[in-house]
Amino acid sequence: MPKPPLTLYLAAPRGFCAGVDRAIKIVEMALEKWGAPVYVRHEIVHNRFVVDGLRAKGAVFVEELDECPPDRPVIFSAHGVPKAVPQEAARREMVYVDATCPLVSKVHIEAARHHENGLQMVMIGHAGHPETLGTMGQLPEGEVLLVETVADVATIAPRDPERLAFITQTTLSVDDTADIVAALKARFPAIVGPHKEDICYATTNRQEAVKAMAPKADAILVIGAPNSSNSKRLVEVGRGAGCAYAQLVQRAADIDWRALEGISSIGITAGASAPEVLVNEVVDAFRDRFEVTVEKVVTAEEHVEFKVPRVLREPA
């Protein structure tokens, strides 16, 4: 029986960003340099496939520093950590490597600079997300007010409405964040914003590719983890851009084929912490069931690379 035809739109850019690439490389290089086990505080990036692969090589993932023995190296995840964590590692004389994405570190530096200038911070982010916890943890308690929605802007009570600055998590929806920023500026006209957008280039680019793909596709699948902020935003962006069926899948085994019955086109993308091997796995699953024609939807070219810390480039 002939397979039904399917146009498969493949978003570009998709998948790994430079910060994720660097973080994974840091764990691999640490294992090469110091041998197993190497401890990692929090999942290095939010992807089970990546984490399981590193665990098989000898990485041990923990949630807090006190779960790490003092005589083994520890790595801080790409999402960043509160200031107290490296301070505690130094106090315990531990070898540690910070794999915080440089674009997250940029937000940390920005927050510290505003604090030194006597400004209270408003952070646009998701409560409980490790990046938000890490950024808020750069400053003393009470110095960062968190807002998640436009409605939250009306409820915050800053010390001095004239002495405020805002920062954002790097993996938010560009459009939703713009609405929250507009609300902040309307309520606090003197609020100071970042020199350059805090939402990172990779988040923005992946959302743009989904927006370009959504009107053409009967359905969109985003390959990514349920705890990955940037992946969940891609699903929301797909729905917002006119695709009625947009779903997050971790890998091909998660695809709900019954929901896709009768489709003639599908858009595929991957969050910034999802490896290309999982994209290929999903594309192959469609090739098994359909006569697939692949069309790339290219909205940007990415050539960003971040160096790994010097400690890993020096001989042991």
C-alpha atoms as a PDB file:
ATOM      1  CA  MET A   1       0.000   0.000   0.000  1.00  0.00           C
ATOM      2  CA  PRO A   2       1.509   3.387  -0.973  1.00  0.00           C
ATOM      3  CA  LYS A   3       2.427   5.754   1.859  1.00  0.00           C
ATOM      4  CA  PRO A   4       0.509   9.059   2.042  1.00  0.00           C
ATOM      5  CA  PRO A   5       2.517  12.126   0.924  1.00  0.00           C
ATOM      6  CA  LEU A   6       3.786  14.539   3.594  1.00  0.00           C
ATOM      7  CA  THR A   7       5.633  17.842   3.373  1.00  0.00           C
ATOM      8  CA  LEU A   8       8.009  18.058   6.312  1.00  0.00           C
ATOM      9  CA  TYR A   9       9.147  21.605   7.127  1.00  0.00           C
ATOM     10  CA  LEU A  10      12.444  21.554   9.003  1.00  0.00           C
ATOM     11  CA  ALA A  11      13.169  24.730  10.980  1.00  0.00           C
ATOM     12  CA  ALA A  12      16.592  26.326  10.840  1.00  0.00           C
ATOM     13  CA  PRO A  13      18.045  27.288  13.218  1.00  0.00           C
ATOM     14  CA  ARG A  14      17.016  24.487  15.597  1.00  0.00           C
ATOM     15  CA  GLY A  15      18.612  22.405  18.338  1.00  0.00           C
ATOM     16  CA  PHE A  16      21.861  23.067  20.177  1.00  0.00           C
ATOM     17  CA  CYS A  17      22.897  26.660  20.847  1.00  0.00           C
ATOM     18  CA  ALA A  18      26.460  27.730  21.586  1.00  0.00           C
ATOM     19  CA  GLY A  19      25.879  27.805  25.367  1.00  0.00           C
ATOM     20  CA  VAL A  20      24.556  24.225  25.438  1.00  0.00           C
ATOM     21  CA  ASP A  21      27.342  23.022  23.154  1.00  0.00           C
ATOM     22  CA  ARG A  22      29.927  24.591  25.477  1.00  0.00           C
ATOM     23  CA  ALA A  23      28.330  23.172  28.655  1.00  0.00           C
ATOM     24  CA  ILE A  24      28.321  19.594  27.308  1.00  0.00           C
ATOM     25  CA  LYS A  25      31.916  20.010  26.118  1.00  0.00           C
ATOM     26  CA  ILE A  26      32.899  21.204  29.624  1.00  0.00           C
ATOM     27  CA  VAL A  27      31.563  17.995  31.223  1.00  0.00           C
ATOM     28  CA  GLU A  28      33.256  15.805  28.600  1.00  0.00           C
ATOM     29  CA  MET A  29      36.588  17.643  28.971  1.00  0.00           C
ATOM     30  CA  ALA A  30      36.371  17.486  32.783  1.00  0.00           C
ATOM     31  CA  LEU A  31      35.891  13.698  32.586  1.00  0.00           C
ATOM     32  CA  GLU A  32      38.910  13.450  30.268  1.00  0.00           C
ATOM     33  CA  LYS A  33      41.044  15.630  32.529  1.00  0.00           C
ATOM     34  CA  TRP A  34      40.106  14.331  35.989  1.00  0.00           C
ATOM     35  CA  GLY A  35      38.483  10.968  35.244  1.00  0.00           C
ATOM     36  CA  ALA A  36      35.145   9.755  36.629  1.00  0.00           C
ATOM     37  CA  PRO A  37      33.248  10.630  38.667  1.00  0.00           C
ATOM     38  CA  VAL A  38      32.761  14.324  37.947  1.00  0.00           C
ATOM     39  CA  TYR A  39      29.821  15.902  39.775  1.00  0.00           C
ATOM     40  CA  VAL A  40      27.361  18.255  38.062  1.00  0.00           C
ATOM     41  CA  ARG A  41      25.061  20.500  40.093  1.00  0.00           C
ATOM     42  CA  HIS A  42      21.658  20.306  38.391  1.00  0.00           C
ATOM     43  CA  GLU A  43      21.143  18.828  34.890  1.00  0.00           C
ATOM     44  CA  ILE A  44      23.913  20.388  32.776  1.00  0.00           C
ATOM     45  CA  VAL A  45      21.243  21.172  30.145  1.00  0.00           C
ATOM     46  CA  HIS A  46      17.566  20.249  30.144  1.00  0.00           C
ATOM     47  CA  ASN A  47      17.584  17.117  28.001  1.00  0.00           C
ATOM     48  CA  ARG A  48      17.279  13.561  29.305  1.00  0.00           C
ATOM     49  CA  PHE A  49      19.073  12.006  26.308  1.00  0.00           C
ATOM     50  CA  VAL A  50      22.092  14.316  26.800  1.00  0.00           C
ATOM     51  CA  VAL A  51      22.126  13.843  30.590  1.00  0.00           C
ATOM     52  CA  ASP A  52      21.879  10.032  30.315  1.00  0.00           C
ATOM     53  CA  GLY A  53      24.743  10.027  27.781  1.00  0.00           C
ATOM     54  CA  LEU A  54      26.985  12.015  30.130  1.00  0.00           C
ATOM     55  CA  ARG A  55      25.939   9.888  33.113  1.00  0.00           C
ATOM     56  CA  ALA A  56      27.062   6.793  31.180  1.00  0.00           C
ATOM     57  CA  LYS A  57      30.500   8.432  30.780  1.00  0.00           C
ATOM     58  CA  GLY A  58      30.829   9.041  34.522  1.00  0.00           C
ATOM     59  CA  ALA A  59      29.024  12.303  35.324  1.00  0.00           C
ATOM     60  CA  VAL A  60      27.015  12.291  38.566  1.00  0.00           C
ATOM     61  CA  PHE A  61      24.104  14.733  38.639  1.00  0.00           C
ATOM     62  CA  VAL A  62      23.078  16.238  41.975  1.00  0.00           C
ATOM     63  CA  GLU A  63      20.790  19.084  43.000  1.00  0.00           C
ATOM     64  CA  GLU A  64      22.913  20.669  45.733  1.00  0.00           C
ATOM     65  CA  LEU A  65      26.588  21.137  46.489  1.00  0.00           C
ATOM     66  CA  ASP A  66      26.404  19.270  49.811  1.00  0.00           C
ATOM     67  CA  GLU A  67      25.753  16.066  47.813  1.00  0.00           C
ATOM     68  CA  CYS A  68      29.247  16.366  46.282  1.00  0.00           C
ATOM     69  CA  PRO A  69      32.393  14.980  47.952  1.00  0.00           C
ATOM     70  CA  PRO A  70      34.979  17.743  48.455  1.00  0.00           C
ATOM     71  CA  ASP A  71      37.737  15.788  46.663  1.00  0.00           C
ATOM     72  CA  ARG A  72      36.002  15.507  43.256  1.00  0.00           C
ATOM     73  CA  PRO A  73      35.441  18.264  40.664  1.00  0.00           C
ATOM     74  CA  VAL A  74      31.995  19.826  40.405  1.00  0.00           C
ATOM     75  CA  ILE A  75      30.488  21.621  37.422  1.00  0.00           C
ATOM     76  CA  PHE A  76      27.734  24.239  37.581  1.00  0.00           C
ATOM     77  CA  SER A  77      25.036  23.904  34.923  1.00  0.00           C
ATOM     78  CA  ALA A  78      24.519  26.139  31.880  1.00  0.00           C
ATOM     79  CA  HIS A  79      21.562  27.840  33.637  1.00  0.00           C
ATOM     80  CA  GLY A  80      23.784  29.573  36.195  1.00  0.00           C
ATOM     81  CA  VAL A  81      23.881  29.386  39.991  1.00  0.00           C
ATOM     82  CA  PRO A  82      23.307  31.776  42.901  1.00  0.00           C
ATOM     83  CA  LYS A  83      26.464  33.558  44.088  1.00  0.00           C
ATOM     84  CA  ALA A  84      26.450  31.524  47.311  1.00  0.00           C
ATOM     85  CA  VAL A  85      27.214  28.273  45.409  1.00  0.00           C
ATOM     86  CA  PRO A  86      30.741  29.074  44.102  1.00  0.00           C
ATOM     87  CA  GLN A  87      31.445  30.807  47.430  1.00  0.00           C
ATOM     88  CA  GLU A  88      30.584  27.588  49.282  1.00  0.00           C
ATOM     89  CA  ALA A  89      32.649  25.498  46.800  1.00  0.00           C
ATOM     90  CA  ALA A  90      35.650  27.783  47.414  1.00  0.00           C
ATOM     91  CA  ARG A  91      35.131  27.543  51.195  1.00  0.00           C
ATOM     92  CA  ARG A  92      35.227  23.735  50.899  1.00  0.00           C
ATOM     93  CA  GLU A  93      38.339  24.041  48.684  1.00  0.00           C
ATOM     94  CA  MET A  94      36.627  22.139  45.871  1.00  0.00           C
ATOM     95  CA  VAL A  95      37.744  22.168  42.250  1.00  0.00           C
ATOM     96  CA  TYR A  96      34.801  23.663  40.356  1.00  0.00           C
ATOM     97  CA  VAL A  97      34.107  24.663  36.768  1.00  0.00           C
ATOM     98  CA  ASP A  98      31.332  27.109  35.927  1.00  0.00           C
ATOM     99  CA  ALA A  99      29.465  26.068  32.749  1.00  0.00           C
ATOM    100  CA  THR A 100      27.012  28.992  32.990  1.00  0.00           C
ATOM    101  CA  CYS A 101      26.140  30.190  29.485  1.00  0.00           C
ATOM    102  CA  PRO A 102      28.044  33.440  28.808  1.00  0.00           C
ATOM    103  CA  LEU A 103      24.750  35.096  27.814  1.00  0.00           C
ATOM    104  CA  VAL A 104      23.310  34.240  31.242  1.00  0.00           C
ATOM    105  CA  SER A 105      26.508  35.529  32.879  1.00  0.00           C
ATOM    106  CA  LYS A 106      25.962  38.787  30.966  1.00  0.00           C
ATOM    107  CA  VAL A 107      22.597  39.190  32.750  1.00  0.00           C
ATOM    108  CA  HIS A 108      24.276  38.437  36.116  1.00  0.00           C
ATOM    109  CA  ILE A 109      26.878  41.172  35.483  1.00  0.00           C
ATOM    110  CA  GLU A 110      24.129  43.592  34.428  1.00  0.00           C
ATOM    111  CA  ALA A 111      22.149  42.905  37.634  1.00  0.00           C
ATOM    112  CA  ALA A 112      25.264  43.446  39.778  1.00  0.00           C
ATOM    113  CA  ARG A 113      26.054  46.731  38.006  1.00  0.00           C
ATOM    114  CA  HIS A 114      22.527  48.112  38.548  1.00  0.00           C
ATOM    115  CA  HIS A 115      22.663  47.005  42.202  1.00  0.00           C
ATOM    116  CA  GLU A 116      25.957  48.884  42.700  1.00  0.00           C
ATOM    117  CA  ASN A 117      24.236  51.957  41.248  1.00  0.00           C
ATOM    118  CA  GLY A 118      21.520  51.680  43.905  1.00  0.00           C
ATOM    119  CA  LEU A 119      18.757  50.335  41.647  1.00  0.00           C
ATOM    120  CA  GLN A 120      16.341  47.606  42.667  1.00  0.00           C
ATOM    121  CA  MET A 121      15.865  44.909  39.993  1.00  0.00           C
ATOM    122  CA  VAL A 122      12.709  43.555  38.392  1.00  0.00           C
ATOM    123  CA  MET A 123      13.301  40.169  36.799  1.00  0.00           C
ATOM    124  CA  ILE A 124      10.976  38.834  34.100  1.00  0.00           C
ATOM    125  CA  GLY A 125      11.229  35.063  34.418  1.00  0.00           C
ATOM    126  CA  HIS A 126       9.658  31.789  35.508  1.00  0.00           C
ATOM    127  CA  ALA A 127       9.522  31.155  39.267  1.00  0.00           C
ATOM    128  CA  GLY A 128      11.569  28.121  40.276  1.00  0.00           C
ATOM    129  CA  HIS A 129      13.459  27.808  36.984  1.00  0.00           C
ATOM    130  CA  PRO A 130      17.186  27.284  37.722  1.00  0.00           C
ATOM    131  CA  GLU A 131      18.177  30.260  35.554  1.00  0.00           C
ATOM    132  CA  THR A 132      15.798  32.547  37.463  1.00  0.00           C
ATOM    133  CA  LEU A 133      17.036  31.207  40.822  1.00  0.00           C
ATOM    134  CA  GLY A 134      20.651  31.697  39.723  1.00  0.00           C
ATOM    135  CA  THR A 135      20.097  35.262  38.518  1.00  0.00           C
ATOM    136  CA  MET A 136      18.048  36.326  41.551  1.00  0.00           C
ATOM    137  CA  GLY A 137      20.721  34.730  43.732  1.00  0.00           C
ATOM    138  CA  GLN A 138      23.353  37.177  42.438  1.00  0.00           C
ATOM    139  CA  LEU A 139      21.930  39.898  44.685  1.00  0.00           C
ATOM    140  CA  PRO A 140      20.887  40.079  48.349  1.00  0.00           C
ATOM    141  CA  GLU A 141      17.402  38.929  49.378  1.00  0.00           C
ATOM    142  CA  GLY A 142      14.681  41.426  48.393  1.00  0.00           C
ATOM    143  CA  GLU A 143      16.787  43.188  45.764  1.00  0.00           C
ATOM    144  CA  VAL A 144      15.116  41.326  42.852  1.00  0.00           C
ATOM    145  CA  LEU A 145      11.348  41.393  42.315  1.00  0.00           C
ATOM    146  CA  LEU A 146      10.079  38.585  40.040  1.00  0.00           C
ATOM    147  CA  VAL A 147       7.294  39.084  37.492  1.00  0.00           C
ATOM    148  CA  GLU A 148       5.992  36.271  35.301  1.00  0.00           C
ATOM    149  CA  THR A 149       3.034  37.961  33.599  1.00  0.00           C
ATOM    150  CA  VAL A 150       1.634  41.375  32.667  1.00  0.00           C
ATOM    151  CA  ALA A 151      -0.771  41.025  35.616  1.00  0.00           C
ATOM    152  CA  ASP A 152       2.175  40.634  38.023  1.00  0.00           C
ATOM    153  CA  VAL A 153       3.462  44.103  37.062  1.00  0.00           C
ATOM    154  CA  ALA A 154       0.488  45.710  38.850  1.00  0.00           C
ATOM    155  CA  THR A 155       1.196  43.846  42.119  1.00  0.00           C
ATOM    156  CA  ILE A 156       4.901  44.510  42.758  1.00  0.00           C
ATOM    157  CA  ALA A 157       5.834  47.067  45.392  1.00  0.00           C
ATOM    158  CA  PRO A 158       9.327  48.420  44.770  1.00  0.00           C
ATOM    159  CA  ARG A 159      11.215  50.438  47.378  1.00  0.00           C
ATOM    160  CA  ASP A 160      11.452  53.450  45.066  1.00  0.00           C
ATOM    161  CA  PRO A 161       9.590  53.482  41.706  1.00  0.00           C
ATOM    162  CA  GLU A 162      12.169  55.992  40.425  1.00  0.00           C
ATOM    163  CA  ARG A 163      15.126  53.651  41.112  1.00  0.00           C
ATOM    164  CA  LEU A 164      14.361  50.495  39.136  1.00  0.00           C
ATOM    165  CA  ALA A 165      15.946  48.399  36.372  1.00  0.00           C
ATOM    166  CA  PHE A 166      14.720  45.236  34.661  1.00  0.00           C
ATOM    167  CA  ILE A 167      16.409  42.079  33.400  1.00  0.00           C
ATOM    168  CA  THR A 168      14.945  38.921  31.852  1.00  0.00           C
ATOM    169  CA  GLN A 169      15.486  35.191  31.739  1.00  0.00           C
ATOM    170  CA  THR A 170      17.236  34.365  28.434  1.00  0.00           C
ATOM    171  CA  THR A 171      14.735  31.719  27.248  1.00  0.00           C
ATOM    172  CA  LEU A 172      11.392  33.554  27.314  1.00  0.00           C
ATOM    173  CA  SER A 173       8.841  34.157  24.582  1.00  0.00           C
ATOM    174  CA  VAL A 174       9.970  37.292  22.751  1.00  0.00           C
ATOM    175  CA  ASP A 175       6.385  38.509  22.203  1.00  0.00           C
ATOM    176  CA  ASP A 176       5.138  37.811  25.755  1.00  0.00           C
ATOM    177  CA  THR A 177       8.199  39.525  27.210  1.00  0.00           C
ATOM    178  CA  ALA A 178       7.644  42.601  25.026  1.00  0.00           C
ATOM    179  CA  ASP A 179       4.132  42.910  26.532  1.00  0.00           C
ATOM    180  CA  ILE A 180       5.515  42.660  30.100  1.00  0.00           C
ATOM    181  CA  VAL A 181       8.242  45.234  29.341  1.00  0.00           C
ATOM    182  CA  ALA A 182       5.587  47.597  27.951  1.00  0.00           C
ATOM    183  CA  ALA A 183       3.558  47.190  31.157  1.00  0.00           C
ATOM    184  CA  LEU A 184       6.644  47.869  33.306  1.00  0.00           C
ATOM    185  CA  LYS A 185       7.481  51.024  31.343  1.00  0.00           C
ATOM    186  CA  ALA A 186       3.885  52.228  31.577  1.00  0.00           C
ATOM    187  CA  ARG A 187       3.805  51.799  35.367  1.00  0.00           C
ATOM    188  CA  PHE A 188       7.423  52.825  36.032  1.00  0.00           C
ATOM    189  CA  PRO A 189       8.465  55.339  33.343  1.00  0.00           C
ATOM    190  CA  ALA A 190      11.944  55.750  34.880  1.00  0.00           C
ATOM    191  CA  ILE A 191      12.765  51.998  34.750  1.00  0.00           C
ATOM    192  CA  VAL A 192      16.135  51.207  33.145  1.00  0.00           C
ATOM    193  CA  GLY A 193      16.349  48.399  30.573  1.00  0.00           C
ATOM    194  CA  PRO A 194      19.294  46.336  29.333  1.00  0.00           C
ATOM    195  CA  HIS A 195      21.616  47.864  26.689  1.00  0.00           C
ATOM    196  CA  LYS A 196      21.006  44.781  24.566  1.00  0.00           C
ATOM    197  CA  GLU A 197      18.121  42.337  24.687  1.00  0.00           C
ATOM    198  CA  ASP A 198      18.535  39.758  27.492  1.00  0.00           C
ATOM    199  CA  ILE A 199      16.591  37.076  25.594  1.00  0.00           C
ATOM    200  CA  CYS A 200      19.387  35.217  23.839  1.00  0.00           C
ATOM    201  CA  TYR A 201      19.979  35.042  20.095  1.00  0.00           C
ATOM    202  CA  ALA A 202      19.232  31.295  19.996  1.00  0.00           C
ATOM    203  CA  THR A 203      15.840  31.634  21.709  1.00  0.00           C
ATOM    204  CA  THR A 204      14.877  34.505  19.389  1.00  0.00           C
ATOM    205  CA  ASN A 205      16.063  32.702  16.234  1.00  0.00           C
ATOM    206  CA  ARG A 206      14.272  29.453  17.040  1.00  0.00           C
ATOM    207  CA  GLN A 207      11.035  31.330  17.741  1.00  0.00           C
ATOM    208  CA  GLU A 208      11.322  33.239  14.434  1.00  0.00           C
ATOM    209  CA  ALA A 209      11.769  29.972  12.495  1.00  0.00           C
ATOM    210  CA  VAL A 210       8.646  28.520  14.150  1.00  0.00           C
ATOM    211  CA  LYS A 211       6.668  31.673  13.310  1.00  0.00           C
ATOM    212  CA  ALA A 212       7.686  31.300   9.647  1.00  0.00           C
ATOM    213  CA  MET A 213       6.751  27.612   9.603  1.00  0.00           C
ATOM    214  CA  ALA A 214       3.489  27.670  11.590  1.00  0.00           C
ATOM    215  CA  PRO A 215       1.099  29.098   8.963  1.00  0.00           C
ATOM    216  CA  LYS A 216       2.170  26.434   6.436  1.00  0.00           C
ATOM    217  CA  ALA A 217       2.013  23.364   8.671  1.00  0.00           C
ATOM    218  CA  ASP A 218      -0.985  21.255   9.767  1.00  0.00           C
ATOM    219  CA  ALA A 219       0.965  20.389  12.921  1.00  0.00           C
ATOM    220  CA  ILE A 220       4.248  21.257  14.647  1.00  0.00           C
ATOM    221  CA  LEU A 221       6.402  19.008  16.786  1.00  0.00           C
ATOM    222  CA  VAL A 222       9.017  20.569  19.069  1.00  0.00           C
ATOM    223  CA  ILE A 223      11.714  18.128  20.162  1.00  0.00           C
ATOM    224  CA  GLY A 224      12.722  19.015  23.700  1.00  0.00           C
ATOM    225  CA  ALA A 225      12.343  18.246  27.390  1.00  0.00           C
ATOM    226  CA  PRO A 226       9.271  19.100  29.497  1.00  0.00           C
ATOM    227  CA  ASN A 227      11.526  21.080  31.908  1.00  0.00           C
ATOM    228  CA  SER A 228      13.142  23.047  29.054  1.00  0.00           C
ATOM    229  CA  SER A 229      11.873  26.632  29.107  1.00  0.00           C
ATOM    230  CA  ASN A 230      12.940  27.500  25.557  1.00  0.00           C
ATOM    231  CA  SER A 231      11.346  24.304  24.161  1.00  0.00           C
ATOM    232  CA  LYS A 232       8.007  24.959  25.880  1.00  0.00           C
ATOM    233  CA  ARG A 233       8.049  28.518  24.515  1.00  0.00           C
ATOM    234  CA  LEU A 234       8.450  27.128  20.964  1.00  0.00           C
ATOM    235  CA  VAL A 235       5.215  25.148  21.386  1.00  0.00           C
ATOM    236  CA  GLU A 236       3.397  28.300  22.559  1.00  0.00           C
ATOM    237  CA  VAL A 237       4.863  30.349  19.699  1.00  0.00           C
ATOM    238  CA  GLY A 238       3.725  27.719  17.174  1.00  0.00           C
ATOM    239  CA  ARG A 239       0.158  27.822  18.483  1.00  0.00           C
ATOM    240  CA  GLY A 240       0.216  31.613  18.655  1.00  0.00           C
ATOM    241  CA  ALA A 241       1.410  31.832  15.042  1.00  0.00           C
ATOM    242  CA  GLY A 242      -1.577  29.899  13.736  1.00  0.00           C
ATOM    243  CA  CYS A 243      -0.789  26.190  14.014  1.00  0.00           C
ATOM    244  CA  ALA A 244      -3.665  24.515  15.849  1.00  0.00           C
ATOM    245  CA  TYR A 245      -1.678  21.398  16.811  1.00  0.00           C
ATOM    246  CA  ALA A 246       1.751  22.052  18.344  1.00  0.00           C
ATOM    247  CA  GLN A 247       3.222  19.505  20.745  1.00  0.00           C
ATOM    248  CA  LEU A 248       6.406  18.873  22.696  1.00  0.00           C
ATOM    249  CA  VAL A 249       7.996  15.424  22.262  1.00  0.00           C
ATOM    250  CA  GLN A 250      11.189  14.170  23.874  1.00  0.00           C
ATOM    251  CA  ARG A 251      11.849  11.733  21.033  1.00  0.00           C
ATOM    252  CA  ALA A 252      10.151   9.696  18.278  1.00  0.00           C
ATOM    253  CA  ALA A 253       8.560   7.222  20.706  1.00  0.00           C
ATOM    254  CA  ASP A 254       6.470  10.074  22.175  1.00  0.00           C
ATOM    255  CA  ILE A 255       4.728  11.024  18.910  1.00  0.00           C
ATOM    256  CA  ASP A 256       0.928  10.686  19.088  1.00  0.00           C
ATOM    257  CA  TRP A 257       0.295   9.250  15.618  1.00  0.00           C
ATOM    258  CA  ARG A 258      -3.489   9.159  16.052  1.00  0.00           C
ATOM    259  CA  ALA A 259      -3.549  12.935  16.552  1.00  0.00           C
ATOM    260  CA  LEU A 260      -1.629  13.312  13.267  1.00  0.00           C
ATOM    261  CA  GLU A 261      -3.961  11.188  11.111  1.00  0.00           C
ATOM    262  CA  GLY A 262      -4.866  12.894   7.846  1.00  0.00           C
ATOM    263  CA  ILE A 263      -2.162  15.598   7.951  1.00  0.00           C
ATOM    264  CA  SER A 264      -0.388  16.578   4.740  1.00  0.00           C
ATOM    265  CA  SER A 265       2.296  18.822   6.268  1.00  0.00           C
ATOM    266  CA  ILE A 266       4.226  19.018   9.521  1.00  0.00           C
ATOM    267  CA  GLY A 267       6.784  21.408  10.984  1.00  0.00           C
ATOM    268  CA  ILE A 268       9.706  20.020  13.013  1.00  0.00           C
ATOM    269  CA  THR A 269      12.019  21.989  15.273  1.00  0.00           C
ATOM    270  CA  ALA A 270      14.114  21.329  18.370  1.00  0.00           C
ATOM    271  CA  GLY A 271      14.786  23.300  21.537  1.00  0.00           C
ATOM    272  CA  ALA A 272      18.270  24.641  22.255  1.00  0.00           C
ATOM    273  CA  SER A 273      19.226  21.654  24.416  1.00  0.00           C
ATOM    274  CA  ALA A 274      17.987  18.914  22.041  1.00  0.00           C
ATOM    275  CA  PRO A 275      20.666  17.124  19.964  1.00  0.00           C
ATOM    276  CA  GLU A 276      20.337  16.681  16.183  1.00  0.00           C
ATOM    277  CA  VAL A 277      20.339  12.876  16.566  1.00  0.00           C
ATOM    278  CA  LEU A 278      16.822  13.165  18.058  1.00  0.00           C
ATOM    279  CA  VAL A 279      15.677  15.345  15.129  1.00  0.00           C
ATOM    280  CA  ASN A 280      16.922  12.660  12.715  1.00  0.00           C
ATOM    281  CA  GLU A 281      15.122   9.995  14.748  1.00  0.00           C
ATOM    282  CA  VAL A 282      11.811  11.905  14.437  1.00  0.00           C
ATOM    283  CA  VAL A 283      12.289  12.561  10.700  1.00  0.00           C
ATOM    284  CA  ASP A 284      13.018   8.836  10.157  1.00  0.00           C
ATOM    285  CA  ALA A 285       9.822   7.930  12.045  1.00  0.00           C
ATOM    286  CA  PHE A 286       7.841  10.075   9.578  1.00  0.00           C
ATOM    287  CA  ARG A 287       9.674   8.507   6.614  1.00  0.00           C
ATOM    288  CA  ASP A 288       8.529   5.078   7.871  1.00  0.00           C
ATOM    289  CA  ARG A 289       4.881   6.150   7.648  1.00  0.00           C
ATOM    290  CA  PHE A 290       4.782   8.768   4.886  1.00  0.00           C
ATOM    291  CA  GLU A 291       6.282   9.617   1.530  1.00  0.00           C
ATOM    292  CA  VAL A 292       8.219  12.571   2.900  1.00  0.00           C
ATOM    293  CA  THR A 293       9.369  15.692   1.067  1.00  0.00           C
ATOM    294  CA  VAL A 294      11.659  17.787   3.274  1.00  0.00           C
ATOM    295  CA  GLU A 295      11.609  21.575   2.938  1.00  0.00           C
ATOM    296  CA  LYS A 296      13.933  23.689   5.077  1.00  0.00           C
ATOM    297  CA  VAL A 297      12.573  26.893   6.613  1.00  0.00           C
ATOM    298  CA  VAL A 298      15.686  29.011   7.159  1.00  0.00           C
ATOM    299  CA  THR A 299      15.261  32.333   8.969  1.00  0.00           C
ATOM    300  CA  ALA A 300      18.820  32.917  10.270  1.00  0.00           C
ATOM    301  CA  GLU A 301      22.396  31.605  10.154  1.00  0.00           C
ATOM    302  CA  GLU A 302      24.211  31.001  13.440  1.00  0.00           C
ATOM    303  CA  HIS A 303      28.006  31.090  13.819  1.00  0.00           C
ATOM    304  CA  VAL A 304      28.328  31.727  17.559  1.00  0.00           C
ATOM    305  CA  GLU A 305      30.943  29.809  19.545  1.00  0.00           C
ATOM    306  CA  PHE A 306      31.929  30.152  23.207  1.00  0.00           C
ATOM    307  CA  LYS A 307      35.321  29.145  24.613  1.00  0.00           C
ATOM    308  CA  VAL A 308      35.553  26.622  27.443  1.00  0.00           C
ATOM    309  CA  PRO A 309      37.165  27.835  30.719  1.00  0.00           C
ATOM    310  CA  ARG A 310      40.971  27.978  30.735  1.00  0.00           C
ATOM    311  CA  VAL A 311      41.256  25.404  33.562  1.00  0.00           C
ATOM    312  CA  LEU A 312      40.079  22.712  31.107  1.00  0.00           C
ATOM    313  CA  ARG A 313      42.560  23.749  28.444  1.00  0.00           C
ATOM    314  CA  GLU A 314      45.536  23.472  30.790  1.00  0.00           C
ATOM    315  CA  PRO A 315      47.281  20.115  31.348  1.00  0.00           C
ATOM    316  CA  ALA A 316      46.193  18.230  34.466  1.00  0.00           C
END
